[in-house]
Amino acid sequence: MAAFFTAACFVFDYLDGMAARALHVQSPMGKELDSLADVVSFGVVPGAMLYQMLAGAPAVGSIFFDSALVVKAALPAFVLSAFSAYRLAKFNLDTRQTNYFLGLSTPACTVFVLGLQLAADQDLFGCKEMIVTPWFLYGLIGLLSWLLVSEIPMFGLKIKRLDWKSNVFNILFLLLFGVLIALFQVFALSIMIVCYVVLSVIFKQKVVAVH
């Protein structure tokens, strides 16, 4: 159910900017409200997912379970939420990020975490034991937090014009995602984001030049 609601957040987040531009109703207030909503959808939500995975990990749950409500050893998951909020504030003030991103976007980060959560829940390819390893998750929190506020240019995926040249990466990315889904099921969500980051690093100059 959480995955379906998260998917709805992606749809509305993707469409609200298009709707605002089409109706010519962009405003500074709308920009701030959009980011406030994103703090919850793409900041609190992935933090809660990571918290749930950490709290359910045997090594954490058996040793550090402090009460029926809080597992203290799982609280570092919300470090990612704090960095997501910082990244969104930085994005609003950074005039460079109009057509491409500097650092990993919060929706992309959420897609990655969602893929891990679903893959662990279904134990796809026997991956659950590795994914819910506490030190793997702690390391992942650190890596994702760094990527959110890094200066790495990454492809923008929003549709601003309806032409091939502007959307070639989006179309190719969707085709790649289709192949990954067929091969890896929901795990493809995480693999897709890894591919996105790697391609952005490899084609760093093109990310900036094309836009």
N, C-alpha and C. Protein backbone atom coordinates (compact mmCIF):
# COMPACT_ATOMS: atom_id res chain seq x y z
N MET A 1 0.83 -1.20 0.00
CA MET A 1 0.00 0.00 0.00
C MET A 1 0.87 1.26 0.00
N ALA A 2 1.93 1.24 0.82
CA ALA A 2 2.85 2.39 0.85
C ALA A 2 3.48 2.63 -0.52
N ALA A 3 3.80 1.54 -1.21
CA ALA A 3 4.41 1.66 -2.54
C ALA A 3 3.45 2.32 -3.52
N PHE A 4 2.16 1.96 -3.44
CA PHE A 4 1.17 2.57 -4.34
C PHE A 4 1.02 4.06 -4.05
N PHE A 5 0.99 4.45 -2.79
CA PHE A 5 0.89 5.87 -2.45
C PHE A 5 2.15 6.63 -2.88
N THR A 6 3.30 5.98 -2.74
CA THR A 6 4.54 6.61 -3.17
C THR A 6 4.53 6.81 -4.69
N ALA A 7 4.02 5.81 -5.41
CA ALA A 7 3.90 5.94 -6.87
C ALA A 7 2.99 7.11 -7.24
N ALA A 8 1.91 7.29 -6.48
CA ALA A 8 1.01 8.42 -6.73
C ALA A 8 1.74 9.74 -6.51
N CYS A 9 2.62 9.79 -5.50
CA CYS A 9 3.41 11.00 -5.25
C CYS A 9 4.27 11.34 -6.45
N PHE A 10 4.87 10.31 -7.07
CA PHE A 10 5.70 10.54 -8.26
C PHE A 10 4.88 11.12 -9.40
N VAL A 11 3.71 10.55 -9.62
CA VAL A 11 2.85 11.00 -10.72
C VAL A 11 2.47 12.47 -10.53
N PHE A 12 2.00 12.80 -9.35
CA PHE A 12 1.57 14.19 -9.11
C PHE A 12 2.75 15.15 -9.09
N ASP A 13 3.89 14.71 -8.57
CA ASP A 13 5.06 15.58 -8.57
C ASP A 13 5.54 15.85 -10.00
N TYR A 14 5.39 14.85 -10.85
CA TYR A 14 5.82 15.00 -12.25
C TYR A 14 4.87 15.90 -13.03
N LEU A 15 3.59 15.79 -12.69
CA LEU A 15 2.58 16.52 -13.47
C LEU A 15 2.34 17.94 -12.97
N ASP A 16 2.62 18.23 -11.70
CA ASP A 16 2.26 19.56 -11.20
C ASP A 16 3.03 20.68 -11.90
N GLY A 17 4.32 20.43 -12.16
CA GLY A 17 5.11 21.43 -12.88
C GLY A 17 4.62 21.62 -14.30
N MET A 18 4.29 20.51 -14.97
CA MET A 18 3.76 20.60 -16.33
C MET A 18 2.44 21.38 -16.36
N ALA A 19 1.59 21.10 -15.38
CA ALA A 19 0.29 21.79 -15.30
C ALA A 19 0.48 23.28 -15.05
N ALA A 20 1.42 23.61 -14.14
CA ALA A 20 1.67 25.02 -13.82
C ALA A 20 2.19 25.78 -15.03
N ARG A 21 3.09 25.14 -15.80
CA ARG A 21 3.62 25.80 -16.98
C ARG A 21 2.56 25.94 -18.06
N ALA A 22 1.74 24.90 -18.23
CA ALA A 22 0.69 24.94 -19.25
C ALA A 22 -0.36 26.01 -18.94
N LEU A 23 -0.65 26.19 -17.66
CA LEU A 23 -1.67 27.16 -17.25
C LEU A 23 -1.09 28.53 -16.92
N HIS A 24 0.25 28.64 -17.03
CA HIS A 24 0.95 29.90 -16.74
C HIS A 24 0.64 30.40 -15.34
N VAL A 25 0.74 29.50 -14.37
CA VAL A 25 0.46 29.88 -12.99
C VAL A 25 1.64 29.58 -12.06
N GLN A 26 2.87 29.59 -12.62
CA GLN A 26 4.03 29.39 -11.76
C GLN A 26 4.16 30.58 -10.81
N SER A 27 4.62 30.29 -9.59
CA SER A 27 4.82 31.37 -8.63
C SER A 27 5.84 30.93 -7.60
N PRO A 28 6.53 31.87 -6.94
CA PRO A 28 7.47 31.51 -5.87
C PRO A 28 6.78 30.70 -4.76
N MET A 29 5.53 31.04 -4.46
CA MET A 29 4.79 30.30 -3.43
C MET A 29 4.59 28.85 -3.85
N GLY A 30 4.23 28.63 -5.10
CA GLY A 30 4.04 27.27 -5.60
C GLY A 30 5.32 26.46 -5.53
N LYS A 31 6.44 27.10 -5.82
CA LYS A 31 7.74 26.43 -5.76
C LYS A 31 8.04 25.96 -4.34
N GLU A 32 7.75 26.82 -3.36
CA GLU A 32 8.01 26.47 -1.97
C GLU A 32 7.07 25.35 -1.49
N LEU A 33 5.79 25.45 -1.88
CA LEU A 33 4.83 24.42 -1.48
C LEU A 33 5.19 23.07 -2.09
N ASP A 34 5.68 23.10 -3.32
CA ASP A 34 6.10 21.87 -3.99
C ASP A 34 7.22 21.19 -3.20
N SER A 35 8.19 22.00 -2.75
CA SER A 35 9.30 21.45 -1.99
C SER A 35 8.87 20.95 -0.62
N LEU A 36 7.94 21.66 0.01
CA LEU A 36 7.44 21.21 1.31
C LEU A 36 6.77 19.84 1.19
N ALA A 37 6.01 19.67 0.12
CA ALA A 37 5.37 18.36 -0.12
C ALA A 37 6.44 17.29 -0.39
N ASP A 38 7.48 17.68 -1.13
CA ASP A 38 8.55 16.73 -1.46
C ASP A 38 9.33 16.29 -0.22
N VAL A 39 9.44 17.17 0.78
CA VAL A 39 10.14 16.79 2.01
C VAL A 39 9.47 15.57 2.64
N VAL A 40 8.14 15.52 2.55
CA VAL A 40 7.41 14.38 3.10
C VAL A 40 7.48 13.19 2.14
N SER A 41 7.07 13.41 0.88
CA SER A 41 6.99 12.32 -0.09
C SER A 41 8.34 11.68 -0.38
N PHE A 42 9.39 12.52 -0.50
CA PHE A 42 10.69 12.02 -0.92
C PHE A 42 11.79 12.28 0.10
N GLY A 43 11.39 12.57 1.35
CA GLY A 43 12.35 12.74 2.42
C GLY A 43 11.98 11.86 3.60
N VAL A 44 10.79 12.10 4.15
CA VAL A 44 10.33 11.29 5.28
C VAL A 44 10.07 9.85 4.85
N VAL A 45 9.46 9.67 3.69
CA VAL A 45 9.09 8.32 3.24
C VAL A 45 10.31 7.39 3.08
N PRO A 46 11.37 7.77 2.33
CA PRO A 46 12.51 6.86 2.24
C PRO A 46 13.19 6.66 3.59
N GLY A 47 13.18 7.70 4.45
CA GLY A 47 13.73 7.54 5.79
C GLY A 47 12.96 6.49 6.58
N ALA A 48 11.63 6.52 6.45
CA ALA A 48 10.79 5.55 7.15
C ALA A 48 11.01 4.14 6.61
N MET A 49 11.23 4.03 5.30
CA MET A 49 11.50 2.72 4.71
C MET A 49 12.80 2.13 5.26
N LEU A 50 13.84 2.97 5.30
CA LEU A 50 15.12 2.51 5.82
C LEU A 50 15.03 2.19 7.31
N TYR A 51 14.26 2.99 8.04
CA TYR A 51 14.04 2.72 9.47
C TYR A 51 13.39 1.35 9.65
N GLN A 52 12.38 1.07 8.83
CA GLN A 52 11.68 -0.20 8.94
C GLN A 52 12.61 -1.37 8.66
N MET A 53 13.47 -1.22 7.64
CA MET A 53 14.40 -2.30 7.33
C MET A 53 15.42 -2.49 8.45
N LEU A 54 15.92 -1.39 9.01
CA LEU A 54 16.89 -1.48 10.10
C LEU A 54 16.24 -2.06 11.36
N ALA A 55 15.04 -1.61 11.66
CA ALA A 55 14.35 -2.08 12.87
C ALA A 55 14.03 -3.57 12.78
N GLY A 56 13.84 -4.07 11.56
CA GLY A 56 13.51 -5.48 11.37
C GLY A 56 14.71 -6.37 11.23
N ALA A 57 15.91 -5.76 11.12
CA ALA A 57 17.13 -6.57 10.98
C ALA A 57 17.40 -7.33 12.28
N PRO A 58 17.66 -8.62 12.22
CA PRO A 58 17.86 -9.43 13.44
C PRO A 58 18.90 -8.87 14.39
N ALA A 59 20.03 -8.42 13.84
CA ALA A 59 21.12 -7.93 14.70
C ALA A 59 20.71 -6.67 15.46
N VAL A 60 19.88 -5.85 14.85
CA VAL A 60 19.43 -4.62 15.49
C VAL A 60 18.27 -4.89 16.43
N GLY A 61 17.29 -5.62 15.91
CA GLY A 61 16.08 -5.86 16.69
C GLY A 61 16.31 -6.62 17.98
N SER A 62 17.24 -7.56 17.97
CA SER A 62 17.45 -8.39 19.16
C SER A 62 18.32 -7.72 20.22
N ILE A 63 19.24 -6.85 19.75
CA ILE A 63 20.19 -6.26 20.69
C ILE A 63 19.77 -4.85 21.14
N PHE A 64 19.22 -4.06 20.19
CA PHE A 64 18.99 -2.66 20.48
C PHE A 64 17.52 -2.28 20.61
N PHE A 65 16.63 -3.25 20.63
CA PHE A 65 15.21 -2.94 20.72
C PHE A 65 14.92 -2.34 22.10
N ASP A 66 14.53 -1.06 22.13
CA ASP A 66 14.41 -0.34 23.39
C ASP A 66 12.98 -0.25 23.91
N SER A 67 12.01 -0.26 23.01
CA SER A 67 10.62 -0.17 23.44
C SER A 67 9.75 -0.67 22.31
N ALA A 68 8.46 -0.68 22.54
CA ALA A 68 7.53 -1.14 21.51
C ALA A 68 7.39 -0.10 20.41
N LEU A 69 7.90 1.12 20.63
CA LEU A 69 7.69 2.20 19.68
C LEU A 69 8.95 2.60 18.92
N VAL A 70 10.09 2.57 19.57
CA VAL A 70 11.30 3.12 18.96
C VAL A 70 12.46 2.14 19.05
N VAL A 71 13.13 1.95 17.92
CA VAL A 71 14.39 1.20 17.89
C VAL A 71 15.48 2.23 17.63
N LYS A 72 16.24 2.55 18.67
CA LYS A 72 17.20 3.65 18.57
C LYS A 72 18.25 3.42 17.49
N ALA A 73 18.68 2.18 17.34
CA ALA A 73 19.72 1.89 16.35
C ALA A 73 19.22 2.07 14.92
N ALA A 74 17.90 2.18 14.75
CA ALA A 74 17.35 2.39 13.41
C ALA A 74 17.11 3.87 13.10
N LEU A 75 17.23 4.73 14.10
CA LEU A 75 16.96 6.16 13.91
C LEU A 75 17.88 6.86 12.91
N PRO A 76 19.14 6.40 12.74
CA PRO A 76 19.99 7.04 11.71
C PRO A 76 19.36 7.04 10.32
N ALA A 77 18.35 6.22 10.10
CA ALA A 77 17.66 6.22 8.81
C ALA A 77 17.15 7.62 8.46
N PHE A 78 16.77 8.38 9.48
CA PHE A 78 16.18 9.69 9.23
C PHE A 78 17.23 10.77 8.96
N VAL A 79 18.51 10.39 9.04
CA VAL A 79 19.56 11.29 8.55
C VAL A 79 19.31 11.57 7.07
N LEU A 80 18.87 10.54 6.34
CA LEU A 80 18.56 10.71 4.92
C LEU A 80 17.43 11.72 4.73
N SER A 81 16.45 11.73 5.62
CA SER A 81 15.34 12.69 5.55
C SER A 81 15.86 14.11 5.72
N ALA A 82 16.80 14.30 6.66
CA ALA A 82 17.37 15.62 6.90
C ALA A 82 18.15 16.10 5.68
N PHE A 83 18.94 15.22 5.07
CA PHE A 83 19.69 15.59 3.88
C PHE A 83 18.76 15.86 2.70
N SER A 84 17.64 15.15 2.64
CA SER A 84 16.66 15.40 1.58
C SER A 84 16.08 16.80 1.71
N ALA A 85 15.76 17.20 2.94
CA ALA A 85 15.23 18.54 3.17
C ALA A 85 16.27 19.59 2.79
N TYR A 86 17.54 19.34 3.15
CA TYR A 86 18.62 20.26 2.80
C TYR A 86 18.78 20.35 1.29
N ARG A 87 18.70 19.21 0.63
CA ARG A 87 18.86 19.19 -0.83
C ARG A 87 17.74 19.99 -1.52
N LEU A 88 16.50 19.86 -1.01
CA LEU A 88 15.37 20.59 -1.60
C LEU A 88 15.51 22.09 -1.39
N ALA A 89 15.98 22.51 -0.22
CA ALA A 89 16.21 23.92 0.03
C ALA A 89 17.32 24.46 -0.88
N LYS A 90 18.38 23.66 -1.02
CA LYS A 90 19.49 24.03 -1.90
C LYS A 90 19.02 24.17 -3.35
N PHE A 91 18.17 23.23 -3.77
CA PHE A 91 17.65 23.25 -5.14
C PHE A 91 16.86 24.54 -5.41
N ASN A 92 16.05 24.96 -4.46
CA ASN A 92 15.24 26.16 -4.63
C ASN A 92 16.08 27.42 -4.79
N LEU A 93 17.27 27.43 -4.19
CA LEU A 93 18.13 28.61 -4.23
C LEU A 93 19.17 28.56 -5.35
N ASP A 94 19.37 27.39 -5.92
CA ASP A 94 20.42 27.19 -6.93
C ASP A 94 19.86 27.46 -8.33
N THR A 95 20.29 28.54 -8.94
CA THR A 95 19.79 28.92 -10.28
C THR A 95 20.40 28.07 -11.39
N ARG A 96 21.39 27.23 -11.07
CA ARG A 96 22.02 26.40 -12.10
C ARG A 96 21.17 25.19 -12.47
N GLN A 97 20.29 24.76 -11.57
CA GLN A 97 19.58 23.49 -11.75
C GLN A 97 18.22 23.71 -12.43
N THR A 98 18.25 24.31 -13.60
CA THR A 98 17.00 24.54 -14.32
C THR A 98 16.64 23.39 -15.25
N ASN A 99 17.65 22.84 -15.94
CA ASN A 99 17.39 21.76 -16.89
C ASN A 99 18.09 20.46 -16.55
N TYR A 100 18.98 20.50 -15.61
CA TYR A 100 19.63 19.28 -15.13
C TYR A 100 19.84 19.43 -13.62
N PHE A 101 20.16 18.32 -12.97
CA PHE A 101 20.33 18.34 -11.52
C PHE A 101 21.80 18.35 -11.15
N LEU A 102 22.10 18.95 -10.02
CA LEU A 102 23.40 18.81 -9.39
C LEU A 102 23.18 17.96 -8.15
N GLY A 103 23.66 16.74 -8.20
CA GLY A 103 23.38 15.80 -7.13
C GLY A 103 22.14 14.97 -7.45
N LEU A 104 21.95 13.93 -6.68
CA LEU A 104 20.82 13.02 -6.87
C LEU A 104 19.53 13.70 -6.42
N SER A 105 18.50 13.65 -7.24
CA SER A 105 17.22 14.24 -6.87
C SER A 105 16.55 13.39 -5.79
N THR A 106 15.70 14.03 -4.99
CA THR A 106 15.01 13.28 -3.93
C THR A 106 14.06 12.21 -4.48
N PRO A 107 13.34 12.45 -5.59
CA PRO A 107 12.52 11.36 -6.14
C PRO A 107 13.36 10.15 -6.56
N ALA A 108 14.51 10.40 -7.18
CA ALA A 108 15.38 9.29 -7.61
C ALA A 108 15.88 8.51 -6.40
N CYS A 109 16.23 9.22 -5.34
CA CYS A 109 16.68 8.57 -4.10
C CYS A 109 15.57 7.69 -3.54
N THR A 110 14.35 8.19 -3.58
CA THR A 110 13.21 7.43 -3.06
C THR A 110 12.95 6.18 -3.89
N VAL A 111 13.08 6.30 -5.21
CA VAL A 111 12.91 5.13 -6.09
C VAL A 111 13.92 4.05 -5.72
N PHE A 112 15.16 4.46 -5.48
CA PHE A 112 16.20 3.49 -5.13
C PHE A 112 15.85 2.76 -3.84
N VAL A 113 15.47 3.51 -2.80
CA VAL A 113 15.15 2.90 -1.51
C VAL A 113 13.90 2.02 -1.62
N LEU A 114 12.91 2.49 -2.39
CA LEU A 114 11.68 1.72 -2.58
C LEU A 114 11.98 0.37 -3.23
N GLY A 115 12.87 0.38 -4.22
CA GLY A 115 13.25 -0.87 -4.89
C GLY A 115 13.87 -1.86 -3.91
N LEU A 116 14.74 -1.36 -3.03
CA LEU A 116 15.36 -2.23 -2.03
C LEU A 116 14.32 -2.78 -1.05
N GLN A 117 13.42 -1.90 -0.62
CA GLN A 117 12.40 -2.31 0.35
C GLN A 117 11.52 -3.42 -0.22
N LEU A 118 11.07 -3.23 -1.47
CA LEU A 118 10.20 -4.23 -2.10
C LEU A 118 10.95 -5.53 -2.37
N ALA A 119 12.20 -5.40 -2.82
CA ALA A 119 13.01 -6.60 -3.10
C ALA A 119 13.25 -7.39 -1.81
N ALA A 120 13.53 -6.68 -0.71
CA ALA A 120 13.75 -7.35 0.57
C ALA A 120 12.45 -7.99 1.07
N ASP A 121 11.35 -7.28 0.91
CA ASP A 121 10.06 -7.79 1.36
C ASP A 121 9.69 -9.09 0.64
N GLN A 122 10.04 -9.15 -0.66
CA GLN A 122 9.72 -10.34 -1.45
C GLN A 122 10.88 -11.35 -1.49
N ASP A 123 12.00 -10.95 -0.90
CA ASP A 123 13.22 -11.77 -0.91
C ASP A 123 13.56 -12.21 -2.33
N LEU A 124 13.55 -11.26 -3.25
CA LEU A 124 13.88 -11.56 -4.64
C LEU A 124 15.32 -12.03 -4.77
N PHE A 125 15.52 -13.11 -5.49
CA PHE A 125 16.85 -13.66 -5.74
C PHE A 125 17.61 -13.94 -4.44
N GLY A 126 16.86 -14.12 -3.34
CA GLY A 126 17.49 -14.39 -2.05
C GLY A 126 18.29 -13.21 -1.51
N CYS A 127 17.87 -12.00 -1.85
CA CYS A 127 18.66 -10.82 -1.52
C CYS A 127 18.33 -10.21 -0.16
N LYS A 128 17.30 -10.68 0.50
CA LYS A 128 16.85 -10.03 1.73
C LYS A 128 17.94 -9.98 2.80
N GLU A 129 18.62 -11.08 3.01
CA GLU A 129 19.63 -11.14 4.07
C GLU A 129 20.70 -10.08 3.86
N MET A 130 21.12 -9.87 2.61
CA MET A 130 22.15 -8.88 2.33
C MET A 130 21.61 -7.46 2.50
N ILE A 131 20.38 -7.21 2.01
CA ILE A 131 19.82 -5.86 2.06
C ILE A 131 19.60 -5.39 3.48
N VAL A 132 19.10 -6.24 4.36
CA VAL A 132 18.77 -5.81 5.72
C VAL A 132 19.96 -5.91 6.68
N THR A 133 21.15 -6.16 6.14
CA THR A 133 22.35 -6.13 6.98
C THR A 133 22.55 -4.71 7.49
N PRO A 134 22.58 -4.48 8.80
CA PRO A 134 22.65 -3.12 9.34
C PRO A 134 23.77 -2.27 8.76
N TRP A 135 24.99 -2.83 8.68
CA TRP A 135 26.10 -2.00 8.21
C TRP A 135 25.97 -1.65 6.74
N PHE A 136 25.34 -2.51 5.96
CA PHE A 136 25.06 -2.17 4.56
C PHE A 136 24.10 -0.99 4.50
N LEU A 137 23.06 -1.01 5.33
CA LEU A 137 22.07 0.08 5.33
C LEU A 137 22.66 1.38 5.87
N TYR A 138 23.50 1.28 6.91
CA TYR A 138 24.16 2.48 7.43
C TYR A 138 25.04 3.12 6.36
N GLY A 139 25.80 2.27 5.65
CA GLY A 139 26.65 2.78 4.58
C GLY A 139 25.84 3.41 3.46
N LEU A 140 24.71 2.78 3.18
CA LEU A 140 23.82 3.29 2.13
C LEU A 140 23.25 4.65 2.51
N ILE A 141 22.89 4.82 3.77
CA ILE A 141 22.38 6.11 4.24
C ILE A 141 23.43 7.20 4.02
N GLY A 142 24.68 6.89 4.36
CA GLY A 142 25.77 7.85 4.16
C GLY A 142 25.99 8.17 2.70
N LEU A 143 26.00 7.16 1.85
CA LEU A 143 26.24 7.36 0.43
C LEU A 143 25.11 8.16 -0.22
N LEU A 144 23.87 7.80 0.05
CA LEU A 144 22.74 8.51 -0.53
C LEU A 144 22.69 9.95 -0.04
N SER A 145 22.98 10.17 1.24
CA SER A 145 22.98 11.53 1.79
C SER A 145 24.02 12.39 1.08
N TRP A 146 25.20 11.80 0.83
CA TRP A 146 26.25 12.54 0.12
C TRP A 146 25.83 12.84 -1.31
N LEU A 147 25.26 11.85 -1.99
CA LEU A 147 24.84 12.06 -3.39
C LEU A 147 23.79 13.16 -3.50
N LEU A 148 22.90 13.26 -2.51
CA LEU A 148 21.84 14.27 -2.55
C LEU A 148 22.40 15.69 -2.61
N VAL A 149 23.49 15.94 -1.91
CA VAL A 149 24.03 17.30 -1.82
C VAL A 149 25.32 17.46 -2.61
N SER A 150 25.68 16.46 -3.42
CA SER A 150 26.90 16.54 -4.22
C SER A 150 26.73 17.51 -5.38
N GLU A 151 27.84 17.79 -6.06
CA GLU A 151 27.83 18.70 -7.20
C GLU A 151 27.93 17.92 -8.52
N ILE A 152 27.57 16.65 -8.51
CA ILE A 152 27.64 15.83 -9.73
C ILE A 152 26.47 16.19 -10.65
N PRO A 153 26.74 16.64 -11.89
CA PRO A 153 25.65 16.93 -12.83
C PRO A 153 24.93 15.64 -13.22
N MET A 154 23.62 15.65 -13.14
CA MET A 154 22.82 14.48 -13.50
C MET A 154 21.69 14.87 -14.43
N PHE A 155 21.36 13.96 -15.33
CA PHE A 155 20.33 14.22 -16.32
C PHE A 155 19.02 14.66 -15.67
N GLY A 156 18.40 15.69 -16.25
CA GLY A 156 17.05 16.06 -15.85
C GLY A 156 16.07 15.18 -16.61
N LEU A 157 15.01 14.75 -15.96
CA LEU A 157 14.08 13.81 -16.60
C LEU A 157 12.69 14.41 -16.81
N LYS A 158 12.54 15.70 -16.58
CA LYS A 158 11.22 16.30 -16.75
C LYS A 158 10.98 16.68 -18.21
N ILE A 159 9.75 16.51 -18.65
CA ILE A 159 9.38 16.84 -20.02
C ILE A 159 8.98 18.30 -20.09
N LYS A 160 9.79 19.10 -20.79
CA LYS A 160 9.48 20.53 -20.91
C LYS A 160 9.06 20.90 -22.33
N ARG A 161 9.54 20.10 -23.29
CA ARG A 161 9.14 20.34 -24.69
C ARG A 161 8.83 19.00 -25.33
N LEU A 162 7.87 19.00 -26.25
CA LEU A 162 7.45 17.75 -26.89
C LEU A 162 8.21 17.57 -28.21
N ASP A 163 9.49 17.27 -28.12
CA ASP A 163 10.29 16.98 -29.31
C ASP A 163 11.32 15.92 -28.95
N TRP A 164 11.81 15.24 -29.99
CA TRP A 164 12.72 14.11 -29.80
C TRP A 164 14.02 14.53 -29.13
N LYS A 165 14.62 15.62 -29.59
CA LYS A 165 15.92 16.04 -29.09
C LYS A 165 15.89 16.31 -27.59
N SER A 166 14.81 16.92 -27.12
CA SER A 166 14.71 17.27 -25.69
C SER A 166 14.44 16.05 -24.82
N ASN A 167 13.89 15.00 -25.41
CA ASN A 167 13.44 13.86 -24.61
C ASN A 167 14.12 12.54 -24.95
N VAL A 168 15.20 12.59 -25.73
CA VAL A 168 15.84 11.36 -26.17
C VAL A 168 16.34 10.54 -24.98
N PHE A 169 16.93 11.20 -23.98
CA PHE A 169 17.42 10.45 -22.81
C PHE A 169 16.25 9.86 -22.04
N ASN A 170 15.15 10.61 -21.90
CA ASN A 170 13.97 10.11 -21.19
C ASN A 170 13.43 8.85 -21.85
N ILE A 171 13.35 8.86 -23.19
CA ILE A 171 12.81 7.72 -23.92
C ILE A 171 13.72 6.51 -23.80
N LEU A 172 15.02 6.72 -23.98
CA LEU A 172 15.98 5.63 -23.85
C LEU A 172 15.98 5.06 -22.43
N PHE A 173 15.82 5.95 -21.47
CA PHE A 173 15.79 5.53 -20.07
C PHE A 173 14.56 4.68 -19.78
N LEU A 174 13.42 5.04 -20.38
CA LEU A 174 12.20 4.26 -20.20
C LEU A 174 12.35 2.87 -20.82
N LEU A 175 13.00 2.82 -21.99
CA LEU A 175 13.24 1.53 -22.64
C LEU A 175 14.15 0.64 -21.78
N LEU A 176 15.20 1.25 -21.22
CA LEU A 176 16.10 0.51 -20.33
C LEU A 176 15.34 0.01 -19.11
N PHE A 177 14.46 0.84 -18.57
CA PHE A 177 13.68 0.46 -17.40
C PHE A 177 12.78 -0.74 -17.72
N GLY A 178 12.19 -0.74 -18.94
CA GLY A 178 11.34 -1.86 -19.35
C GLY A 178 12.11 -3.16 -19.38
N VAL A 179 13.34 -3.11 -19.89
CA VAL A 179 14.19 -4.30 -19.94
C VAL A 179 14.55 -4.77 -18.52
N LEU A 180 14.91 -3.81 -17.67
CA LEU A 180 15.29 -4.15 -16.30
C LEU A 180 14.13 -4.75 -15.51
N ILE A 181 12.93 -4.21 -15.72
CA ILE A 181 11.74 -4.74 -15.04
C ILE A 181 11.51 -6.20 -15.44
N ALA A 182 11.67 -6.47 -16.74
CA ALA A 182 11.47 -7.84 -17.23
C ALA A 182 12.48 -8.80 -16.62
N LEU A 183 13.69 -8.32 -16.38
CA LEU A 183 14.75 -9.18 -15.87
C LEU A 183 14.78 -9.27 -14.34
N PHE A 184 14.54 -8.14 -13.68
CA PHE A 184 14.77 -8.08 -12.23
C PHE A 184 13.54 -7.72 -11.40
N GLN A 185 12.39 -7.59 -12.03
CA GLN A 185 11.14 -7.26 -11.34
C GLN A 185 11.30 -5.95 -10.54
N VAL A 186 10.78 -5.88 -9.31
CA VAL A 186 10.82 -4.60 -8.58
C VAL A 186 12.25 -4.17 -8.22
N PHE A 187 13.19 -5.11 -8.22
CA PHE A 187 14.59 -4.76 -7.97
C PHE A 187 15.10 -3.80 -9.03
N ALA A 188 14.41 -3.78 -10.18
CA ALA A 188 14.80 -2.89 -11.27
C ALA A 188 14.74 -1.42 -10.87
N LEU A 189 13.89 -1.08 -9.91
CA LEU A 189 13.80 0.31 -9.45
C LEU A 189 15.15 0.79 -8.92
N SER A 190 15.79 -0.03 -8.11
CA SER A 190 17.09 0.35 -7.56
C SER A 190 18.18 0.29 -8.63
N ILE A 191 18.15 -0.76 -9.45
CA ILE A 191 19.16 -0.90 -10.50
C ILE A 191 19.09 0.26 -11.48
N MET A 192 17.86 0.71 -11.77
CA MET A 192 17.67 1.82 -12.70
C MET A 192 18.35 3.09 -12.18
N ILE A 193 18.24 3.35 -10.88
CA ILE A 193 18.85 4.55 -10.32
C ILE A 193 20.37 4.44 -10.33
N VAL A 194 20.90 3.24 -10.09
CA VAL A 194 22.34 3.04 -10.19
C VAL A 194 22.80 3.35 -11.62
N CYS A 195 22.06 2.85 -12.61
CA CYS A 195 22.38 3.12 -14.02
C CYS A 195 22.32 4.61 -14.31
N TYR A 196 21.31 5.27 -13.76
CA TYR A 196 21.12 6.71 -13.95
C TYR A 196 22.32 7.50 -13.42
N VAL A 197 22.78 7.15 -12.23
CA VAL A 197 23.93 7.85 -11.64
C VAL A 197 25.19 7.58 -12.44
N VAL A 198 25.41 6.31 -12.79
CA VAL A 198 26.62 5.94 -13.54
C VAL A 198 26.64 6.62 -14.90
N LEU A 199 25.52 6.62 -15.61
CA LEU A 199 25.45 7.27 -16.92
C LEU A 199 25.66 8.78 -16.80
N SER A 200 25.13 9.38 -15.75
CA SER A 200 25.32 10.81 -15.54
C SER A 200 26.78 11.15 -15.31
N VAL A 201 27.49 10.28 -14.58
CA VAL A 201 28.92 10.50 -14.32
C VAL A 201 29.73 10.31 -15.60
N ILE A 202 29.42 9.24 -16.35
CA ILE A 202 30.16 8.95 -17.59
C ILE A 202 29.96 10.07 -18.62
N PHE A 203 28.71 10.53 -18.75
CA PHE A 203 28.40 11.56 -19.75
C PHE A 203 28.23 12.92 -19.09
N LYS A 204 29.09 13.20 -18.13
CA LYS A 204 28.99 14.44 -17.36
C LYS A 204 28.96 15.67 -18.23
N GLN A 205 29.87 15.74 -19.21
CA GLN A 205 29.92 16.91 -20.10
C GLN A 205 28.67 17.04 -20.95
N LYS A 206 28.15 15.90 -21.39
CA LYS A 206 26.97 15.91 -22.23
C LYS A 206 25.74 16.36 -21.42
N VAL A 207 25.69 16.00 -20.14
CA VAL A 207 24.56 16.41 -19.30
C VAL A 207 24.41 17.91 -19.32
N VAL A 208 25.54 18.60 -19.17
CA VAL A 208 25.53 20.06 -19.13
C VAL A 208 25.38 20.66 -20.52
N ALA A 209 26.10 20.09 -21.51
CA ALA A 209 26.13 20.65 -22.86
C ALA A 209 24.79 20.54 -23.57
N VAL A 210 24.13 19.38 -23.45
CA VAL A 210 22.88 19.16 -24.18
C VAL A 210 21.82 20.15 -23.74
N HIS A 211 21.82 20.48 -22.44
CA HIS A 211 20.79 21.37 -21.91
C HIS A 211 21.22 22.82 -22.02
